């Protein structure tokens, strides 16, 4: 009889009972979700890579809610992000603007090149010293754009005299592009000196810098470096999550790019124009990634902005360098380089060493390093950026020592 009465009540008042059931289910799902997040935090691996990088628990937690792309709060979030990035670049909104781009860092590189290089008469000088400079040339080839390449050795900094000579000999060059920190090797190039050398000879040439793995962790003053367009990614030194990249653009130069773009979705002029008019993206934005990035920017400020973040990364690098030297590992770069984003190490010559086994054993211990990307040497890479601290570097060194002993690789290396 009681069962019949409950069924009758449900039929007579379905909305009330369904709502109550939904509330109970929602609470259960919420508790379960938070439990899973906390458990995943315990089992997460440490990422000693150039990206994707580890991020703080609070940055991950910022994604645990939904916002519509037209919500006032989300529009304000985008506005906050754009403004804060200008501050980090040491520029103001009257001369520069920030254009976020859905997708990885390469999307932003392609967006700038496809929007900035003139369709008629465009010619790009690409300064190549590794995989990411070569990627720029690939993009230009897809665009069927005229380009000249100055390719230096992977362990050398940009040859500024060669750049100036090329500009003098090729007065039709419209754009110069280069990578700030070439993460295939770890070289940090002197973009300030390059930019000033370019503008001294050709003031109207557009200077484009890929600062993907350096911006937010390495001081870079766009005006002092004469940079017109710079790109970076959410999931690098600012320690957000993957999902979008951004271009910081000289306003005067950007406004001259209307109608140039070879792509609808990667047209950074139209993206900028729509953000200015409506505060919104033209197409679906990465809402959760941007909520996380806002939190990451707040954490960056709490750490002391770029000065504080770079201090931690340098400390990480110092611990790693000392420990790896004691173990006998040799760095790919010599002592003339002072980069601290990522370090490349030669494979040991010990016959018992296998990178595949080395990588897998470290990964099983929760330590993820990266394969090498230089073309003329067998190397692996260890990153110092992301949510890593000196204690993490010390633990990694212990794991490396343990794995080498397990593989019968004699330490210190000879």
Protein backbone atom coordinates (compact mmCIF):
# COMPACT_ATOMS: atom_id res chain seq x y z
CA UNK A 1 0.00 0.00 0.00
CA UNK A 2 2.83 2.40 0.89
CA UNK A 3 4.59 1.57 -2.41
CA UNK A 4 1.40 2.37 -4.32
CA UNK A 5 1.09 5.72 -2.47
CA UNK A 6 4.72 6.65 -3.38
CA UNK A 7 4.10 5.78 -7.02
CA UNK A 8 0.90 7.83 -6.96
CA UNK A 9 2.74 10.83 -5.48
CA UNK A 10 5.38 10.58 -8.19
CA UNK A 11 2.75 10.54 -10.91
CA UNK A 12 0.87 13.47 -9.37
CA UNK A 13 3.96 15.58 -8.62
CA UNK A 14 6.71 14.38 -11.00
CA UNK A 15 8.63 17.68 -11.17
CA UNK A 16 9.11 17.88 -7.40
CA UNK A 17 10.40 14.32 -7.10
CA UNK A 18 12.58 14.53 -10.20
CA UNK A 19 14.15 17.77 -8.98
CA UNK A 20 14.89 16.22 -5.58
CA UNK A 21 16.41 13.17 -7.26
CA UNK A 22 18.51 15.40 -9.54
CA UNK A 23 19.80 17.43 -6.60
CA UNK A 24 20.87 14.26 -4.77
CA UNK A 25 22.53 12.89 -7.93
CA UNK A 26 24.28 16.18 -8.62
CA UNK A 27 25.69 16.27 -5.08
CA UNK A 28 26.88 12.70 -5.45
CA UNK A 29 28.51 13.44 -8.82
CA UNK A 30 30.16 16.56 -7.38
CA UNK A 31 31.66 14.64 -4.43
CA UNK A 32 32.80 11.83 -6.73
CA UNK A 33 34.36 14.31 -9.18
CA UNK A 34 36.28 16.14 -6.46
CA UNK A 35 37.48 12.82 -5.05
CA UNK A 36 38.76 11.81 -8.48
CA UNK A 37 40.54 15.13 -8.91
CA UNK A 38 42.24 14.79 -5.52
CA UNK A 39 43.25 11.21 -6.25
CA UNK A 40 44.66 12.22 -9.66
CA UNK A 41 46.71 14.91 -7.95
CA UNK A 42 48.30 12.25 -5.76
CA UNK A 43 49.15 10.01 -8.75
CA UNK A 44 50.19 12.71 -11.25
CA UNK A 45 53.63 12.36 -12.75
CA UNK A 46 56.19 15.15 -12.59
CA UNK A 47 56.72 16.59 -16.06
CA UNK A 48 60.30 17.69 -16.77
CA UNK A 49 59.40 18.66 -20.33
CA UNK A 50 59.06 21.77 -22.51
CA UNK A 51 55.30 21.18 -22.59
CA UNK A 52 52.71 20.20 -21.68
CA UNK A 53 53.78 21.17 -18.19
CA UNK A 54 52.63 20.41 -14.69
CA UNK A 55 50.42 23.06 -13.10
CA UNK A 56 49.23 23.79 -9.58
CA UNK A 57 46.20 22.10 -8.05
CA UNK A 58 44.49 25.50 -7.76
CA UNK A 59 44.93 26.13 -11.49
CA UNK A 60 43.34 22.78 -12.29
CA UNK A 61 40.53 23.43 -9.82
CA UNK A 62 39.69 26.71 -11.56
CA UNK A 63 38.34 24.63 -14.46
CA UNK A 64 35.78 22.80 -12.35
CA UNK A 65 32.88 25.01 -13.34
CA UNK A 66 31.18 26.08 -16.52
CA UNK A 67 30.87 29.56 -18.00
CA UNK A 68 29.15 30.58 -21.21
CA UNK A 69 31.26 32.38 -23.77
CA UNK A 70 28.88 35.35 -23.57
CA UNK A 71 28.73 35.50 -19.77
CA UNK A 72 29.83 38.85 -18.41
CA UNK A 73 32.22 37.04 -16.07
CA UNK A 74 33.91 35.25 -18.95
CA UNK A 75 34.16 38.43 -21.01
CA UNK A 76 35.75 40.10 -17.99
CA UNK A 77 38.13 37.13 -17.67
CA UNK A 78 39.30 37.59 -21.26
CA UNK A 79 39.73 41.31 -20.64
CA UNK A 80 41.79 40.62 -17.50
CA UNK A 81 44.02 38.13 -19.36
CA UNK A 82 44.66 40.50 -22.26
CA UNK A 83 45.51 43.37 -19.92
CA UNK A 84 47.80 41.32 -17.68
CA UNK A 85 49.76 39.94 -20.64
CA UNK A 86 50.47 43.47 -21.82
CA UNK A 87 51.89 44.25 -18.36
CA UNK A 88 54.15 41.21 -18.51
CA UNK A 89 55.43 42.32 -21.93
CA UNK A 90 56.18 45.83 -20.53
CA UNK A 91 53.89 47.49 -23.09
CA UNK A 92 50.68 49.52 -22.93
CA UNK A 93 47.28 49.22 -24.58
CA UNK A 94 47.75 52.36 -26.65
CA UNK A 95 50.59 50.77 -28.66
CA UNK A 96 50.11 46.98 -28.33
CA UNK A 97 47.25 44.52 -28.04
CA UNK A 98 46.83 40.86 -27.10
CA UNK A 99 45.00 38.49 -29.44
CA UNK A 100 44.24 35.04 -27.98
CA UNK A 101 44.07 32.18 -30.48
CA UNK A 102 42.32 28.85 -29.94
CA UNK A 103 44.85 26.01 -30.26
CA UNK A 104 48.47 25.22 -29.45
CA UNK A 105 51.41 27.55 -29.87
CA UNK A 106 51.96 26.52 -33.48
CA UNK A 107 48.47 27.84 -34.26
CA UNK A 108 49.58 31.28 -33.08
CA UNK A 109 52.81 31.10 -35.10
CA UNK A 110 50.85 30.23 -38.23
CA UNK A 111 48.21 32.84 -37.42
CA UNK A 112 50.80 35.62 -37.28
CA UNK A 113 52.68 34.54 -40.40
CA UNK A 114 49.49 34.06 -42.43
CA UNK A 115 48.10 37.43 -41.30
CA UNK A 116 51.22 39.60 -41.33
CA UNK A 117 53.21 38.57 -44.42
CA UNK A 118 51.84 40.48 -47.44
CA UNK A 119 50.18 38.36 -50.13
CA UNK A 120 51.91 40.40 -52.82
CA UNK A 121 55.63 40.94 -52.41
CA UNK A 122 55.89 39.32 -48.98
CA UNK A 123 59.33 37.89 -48.25
CA UNK A 124 60.41 36.44 -44.92
CA UNK A 125 63.90 36.05 -43.49
CA UNK A 126 63.75 33.08 -41.09
CA UNK A 127 66.54 32.72 -38.53
CA UNK A 128 66.76 28.98 -37.89
CA UNK A 129 68.71 27.22 -35.14
CA UNK A 130 66.55 24.20 -34.46
CA UNK A 131 63.25 22.39 -34.92
CA UNK A 132 60.97 25.33 -34.15
CA UNK A 133 62.69 27.70 -36.55
CA UNK A 134 62.36 25.00 -39.21
CA UNK A 135 58.66 24.74 -38.39
CA UNK A 136 58.28 28.40 -39.39
CA UNK A 137 59.74 27.57 -42.80
CA UNK A 138 57.27 24.69 -43.14
CA UNK A 139 54.39 27.07 -42.48
CA UNK A 140 55.71 29.51 -45.06
CA UNK A 141 56.05 26.68 -47.59
CA UNK A 142 52.40 25.77 -47.04
CA UNK A 143 51.58 29.43 -47.60
CA UNK A 144 53.73 29.35 -50.77
CA UNK A 145 55.48 32.41 -49.45
CA UNK A 146 58.93 33.56 -50.55
CA UNK A 147 61.51 33.10 -47.80
CA UNK A 148 65.24 33.20 -47.10
CA UNK A 149 66.80 31.04 -44.39
CA UNK A 150 69.85 31.77 -42.29
CA UNK A 151 70.51 28.49 -40.51
CA UNK A 152 73.01 28.45 -37.69
CA UNK A 153 74.40 25.54 -35.73
CA UNK A 154 72.03 24.16 -33.12
CA UNK A 155 74.46 25.03 -30.33
CA UNK A 156 75.14 28.61 -31.48
CA UNK A 157 73.37 31.92 -30.95
CA UNK A 158 72.12 33.95 -33.89
CA UNK A 159 74.82 35.48 -36.09
CA UNK A 160 73.78 39.14 -36.03
CA UNK A 161 76.29 40.21 -38.69
CA UNK A 162 74.88 37.59 -41.07
CA UNK A 163 71.38 38.97 -40.44
CA UNK A 164 72.44 42.53 -41.23
CA UNK A 165 74.33 41.42 -44.35
CA UNK A 166 71.26 39.54 -45.60
CA UNK A 167 69.01 42.55 -45.06
CA UNK A 168 71.38 44.80 -47.01
CA UNK A 169 71.62 42.32 -49.88
CA UNK A 170 67.85 41.69 -49.96
CA UNK A 171 66.02 45.02 -49.67
CA UNK A 172 62.71 43.32 -50.56
CA UNK A 173 62.54 41.42 -47.24
CA UNK A 174 59.32 42.42 -45.45
CA UNK A 175 59.49 40.26 -42.31
CA UNK A 176 62.10 38.70 -40.05
CA UNK A 177 61.11 35.80 -37.80
CA UNK A 178 62.99 33.86 -35.14
CA UNK A 179 62.58 31.77 -31.99
CA UNK A 180 63.57 33.25 -28.62
CA UNK A 181 64.24 30.00 -26.74
CA UNK A 182 64.89 27.08 -29.07
CA UNK A 183 63.69 24.23 -26.86
CA UNK A 184 65.15 21.57 -29.13
CA UNK A 185 68.56 22.58 -27.72
CA UNK A 186 67.97 25.02 -24.85
CA UNK A 187 69.59 28.03 -26.56
CA UNK A 188 68.13 31.41 -25.60
CA UNK A 189 68.81 33.85 -28.43
CA UNK A 190 69.59 37.52 -27.95
CA UNK A 191 66.42 38.85 -29.53
CA UNK A 192 67.01 42.34 -28.17
CA UNK A 193 70.30 42.64 -30.06
CA UNK A 194 68.81 41.04 -33.17
CA UNK A 195 65.78 43.35 -33.13
CA UNK A 196 67.86 46.48 -32.78
CA UNK A 197 70.24 45.33 -35.51
CA UNK A 198 67.30 44.73 -37.85
CA UNK A 199 65.64 48.08 -37.22
CA UNK A 200 68.93 49.94 -37.56
CA UNK A 201 69.13 48.84 -41.19
CA UNK A 202 65.46 48.34 -42.08
CA UNK A 203 63.16 50.27 -39.70
CA UNK A 204 59.98 49.21 -41.52
CA UNK A 205 60.66 45.48 -41.54
CA UNK A 206 58.26 43.53 -39.29
CA UNK A 207 60.07 41.64 -36.52
CA UNK A 208 58.26 38.51 -35.32
CA UNK A 209 59.44 36.45 -32.33
CA UNK A 210 58.24 33.03 -31.19
CA UNK A 211 58.66 33.26 -27.40
CA UNK A 212 56.67 30.11 -26.78
CA UNK A 213 58.73 28.54 -24.01
CA UNK A 214 60.30 31.71 -22.61
CA UNK A 215 57.59 34.34 -22.12
CA UNK A 216 56.63 34.62 -18.47
CA UNK A 217 59.87 33.02 -17.30
CA UNK A 218 62.52 35.03 -19.11
CA UNK A 219 62.41 38.85 -19.03
CA UNK A 220 61.54 40.23 -22.48
CA UNK A 221 60.77 43.91 -23.10
CA UNK A 222 59.03 44.12 -26.48
CA UNK A 223 59.72 47.81 -27.07
CA UNK A 224 63.42 47.54 -26.18
CA UNK A 225 63.74 44.50 -28.47
CA UNK A 226 61.85 46.28 -31.29
CA UNK A 227 59.44 43.31 -31.51
CA UNK A 228 56.30 43.92 -33.57
CA UNK A 229 54.63 40.54 -33.05
CA UNK A 230 55.33 37.95 -30.36
CA UNK A 231 53.57 34.66 -29.65
CA UNK A 232 53.47 32.35 -26.67
CA UNK A 233 51.25 29.67 -25.15
CA UNK A 234 49.11 29.28 -22.05
CA UNK A 235 50.89 26.10 -20.96
CA UNK A 236 54.48 27.26 -20.71
CA UNK A 237 56.14 29.57 -18.18
CA UNK A 238 52.85 31.13 -17.06
CA UNK A 239 51.79 27.59 -16.06
CA UNK A 240 48.26 27.46 -17.39
CA UNK A 241 46.78 24.41 -19.11
CA UNK A 242 46.90 23.64 -22.85
CA UNK A 243 44.07 25.02 -24.97
CA UNK A 244 45.05 28.38 -26.38
CA UNK A 245 47.96 30.56 -27.40
CA UNK A 246 48.24 34.29 -27.89
CA UNK A 247 49.89 36.97 -29.99
CA UNK A 248 51.06 40.30 -28.59
CA UNK A 249 50.88 42.71 -31.50
CA UNK A 250 52.05 46.21 -32.34
CA UNK A 251 48.72 47.95 -32.93
CA UNK A 252 49.88 50.12 -35.78
CA UNK A 253 51.36 47.13 -37.63
CA UNK A 254 48.36 44.89 -36.91
CA UNK A 255 45.86 47.39 -38.30
CA UNK A 256 47.73 47.34 -41.61
CA UNK A 257 47.07 43.59 -41.87
CA UNK A 258 43.34 43.76 -42.56
CA UNK A 259 42.47 41.49 -45.47
CA UNK A 260 45.87 39.79 -45.71
CA UNK A 261 45.15 36.54 -43.84
CA UNK A 262 45.16 33.27 -45.78
CA UNK A 263 42.92 31.61 -43.18
CA UNK A 264 39.52 32.51 -41.73
CA UNK A 265 40.02 30.97 -38.30
CA UNK A 266 43.65 32.12 -37.97
CA UNK A 267 43.05 35.72 -39.00
CA UNK A 268 44.42 37.61 -35.99
CA UNK A 269 43.29 40.98 -37.33
CA UNK A 270 39.64 39.85 -37.45
CA UNK A 271 40.04 38.15 -34.07
CA UNK A 272 41.35 41.41 -32.63
CA UNK A 273 38.63 43.47 -34.29
CA UNK A 274 35.85 41.28 -32.93
CA UNK A 275 37.32 41.24 -29.41
CA UNK A 276 37.49 45.03 -29.44
CA UNK A 277 33.91 45.42 -30.68
CA UNK A 278 32.18 42.73 -28.63
CA UNK A 279 34.65 41.42 -26.04
CA UNK A 280 34.03 37.96 -27.50
CA UNK A 281 35.82 35.40 -29.66
CA UNK A 282 34.57 34.90 -33.20
CA UNK A 283 34.34 31.13 -32.65
CA UNK A 284 33.96 28.92 -29.57
CA UNK A 285 36.60 29.93 -26.99
CA UNK A 286 38.42 27.51 -24.64
CA UNK A 287 36.46 28.67 -21.59
CA UNK A 288 37.91 26.22 -19.07
CA UNK A 289 41.49 26.77 -20.21
CA UNK A 290 41.02 30.53 -19.89
CA UNK A 291 39.61 30.23 -16.38
CA UNK A 292 42.70 28.20 -15.47
CA UNK A 293 44.96 30.78 -17.13
CA UNK A 294 43.43 33.59 -15.12
CA UNK A 295 44.28 31.67 -11.96
CA UNK A 296 47.77 30.97 -13.29
CA UNK A 297 48.32 34.69 -13.89
CA UNK A 298 47.25 35.42 -10.33
CA UNK A 299 49.73 32.83 -9.05
CA UNK A 300 52.46 34.32 -11.22
CA UNK A 301 51.84 37.71 -9.62
CA UNK A 302 51.94 36.17 -6.13
CA UNK A 303 55.33 34.64 -6.98
CA UNK A 304 56.72 38.02 -7.98
CA UNK A 305 55.79 38.03 -11.69
CA UNK A 306 58.57 37.22 -14.16
CA UNK A 307 61.38 38.08 -11.73
CA UNK A 308 60.05 35.65 -9.13
CA UNK A 309 59.25 32.91 -11.64
CA UNK A 310 62.66 33.14 -13.31
CA UNK A 311 64.35 32.95 -9.89
CA UNK A 312 62.67 29.59 -9.20
CA UNK A 313 63.50 28.26 -12.66
CA UNK A 314 67.13 29.28 -12.25
CA UNK A 315 67.25 27.50 -8.90
CA UNK A 316 65.80 24.39 -10.56
CA UNK A 317 68.43 24.60 -13.27
CA UNK A 318 71.26 25.06 -10.73
CA UNK A 319 70.22 21.93 -8.79
CA UNK A 320 69.93 19.91 -12.00
CA UNK A 321 73.23 21.11 -13.42
CA UNK A 322 75.20 20.32 -10.27
CA UNK A 323 73.60 16.91 -9.80
CA UNK A 324 73.92 15.79 -13.42
CA UNK A 325 77.56 16.91 -13.51
CA UNK A 326 78.28 14.81 -10.41
CA UNK A 327 76.69 11.82 -12.18
CA UNK A 328 78.92 12.45 -15.21
CA UNK A 329 76.28 13.54 -17.73
CA UNK A 330 77.53 16.01 -20.37
CA UNK A 331 75.44 18.95 -21.54
CA UNK A 332 74.88 19.62 -25.23
CA UNK A 333 75.57 23.36 -24.80
CA UNK A 334 78.84 24.81 -23.52
CA UNK A 335 79.32 27.30 -20.68
CA UNK A 336 78.80 30.33 -22.93
CA UNK A 337 75.07 29.62 -22.72
CA UNK A 338 73.11 30.63 -19.64
CA UNK A 339 69.61 29.44 -20.54
CA UNK A 340 67.52 27.88 -17.79
CA UNK A 341 64.34 26.74 -19.55
CA UNK A 342 65.45 23.28 -20.67
CA UNK A 343 68.74 21.39 -20.75
CA UNK A 344 69.88 18.87 -23.38
CA UNK A 345 72.19 16.04 -22.34
CA UNK A 346 74.21 13.68 -24.52
CA UNK A 347 73.40 9.98 -24.24
CA UNK A 348 75.95 8.17 -22.05
CA UNK A 349 78.47 6.10 -23.99
CA UNK A 350 78.02 3.19 -21.61
CA UNK A 351 76.96 0.12 -23.68
CA UNK A 352 74.27 -0.72 -21.11
CA UNK A 353 72.48 2.59 -21.68
CA UNK A 354 69.25 2.52 -23.67
CA UNK A 355 67.22 5.71 -23.81
CA UNK A 356 63.98 3.78 -24.27
CA UNK A 357 64.59 1.79 -21.08
CA UNK A 358 65.90 4.88 -19.27
CA UNK A 359 62.78 6.87 -20.20
CA UNK A 360 60.35 4.10 -19.30
CA UNK A 361 61.95 3.33 -15.94
CA UNK A 362 61.92 7.01 -14.98
CA UNK A 363 58.31 7.30 -16.11
CA UNK A 364 57.38 4.29 -13.95
CA UNK A 365 58.85 6.25 -11.04
CA UNK A 366 56.63 9.22 -11.91
CA UNK A 367 59.39 11.25 -13.58
CA UNK A 368 58.79 12.23 -17.22
CA UNK A 369 61.72 13.60 -19.23
CA UNK A 370 61.79 14.30 -22.97
CA UNK A 371 63.56 12.79 -26.00
CA UNK A 372 66.12 14.94 -27.75
CA UNK A 373 65.27 17.05 -30.78
CA UNK A 374 68.67 18.17 -32.02
CA UNK A 375 69.49 16.60 -35.39
CA UNK A 376 73.22 15.95 -35.10
CA UNK A 377 73.57 14.34 -31.69
CA UNK A 378 71.87 11.70 -29.55
CA UNK A 379 70.41 13.65 -26.65
CA UNK A 380 67.59 13.76 -24.14
CA UNK A 381 66.10 16.85 -22.53
CA UNK A 382 65.11 17.85 -19.02
CA UNK A 383 62.92 20.88 -18.47
CA UNK A 384 63.16 23.22 -15.50
CA UNK A 385 59.83 24.99 -16.03
CA UNK A 386 56.26 24.34 -14.98
CA UNK A 387 55.10 23.66 -11.43
CA UNK A 388 58.53 22.34 -10.40
CA UNK A 389 60.70 23.26 -7.44
CA UNK A 390 64.30 22.51 -6.38
CA UNK A 391 63.07 19.57 -4.27
CA UNK A 392 61.52 18.06 -7.43
CA UNK A 393 64.86 18.36 -9.23
CA UNK A 394 66.62 16.66 -6.33
CA UNK A 395 64.14 13.78 -6.41
CA UNK A 396 64.56 13.43 -10.17
CA UNK A 397 68.33 13.20 -9.72
CA UNK A 398 67.89 10.43 -7.17
CA UNK A 399 65.62 8.57 -9.60
CA UNK A 400 68.14 8.99 -12.43
CA UNK A 401 70.87 7.57 -10.22
CA UNK A 402 68.68 4.63 -9.18
CA UNK A 403 67.66 3.88 -12.77
CA UNK A 404 71.26 3.98 -14.00
CA UNK A 405 72.28 1.55 -11.27
CA UNK A 406 69.37 -0.73 -12.21
CA UNK A 407 70.52 -0.63 -15.85
CA UNK A 408 74.13 -1.38 -14.80
CA UNK A 409 75.28 1.97 -16.16
CA UNK A 410 78.42 2.84 -14.21
CA UNK A 411 78.40 6.18 -12.37
CA UNK A 412 79.93 8.64 -12.58
CA UNK A 413 79.86 8.34 -16.36
CA UNK A 414 83.17 8.31 -18.23
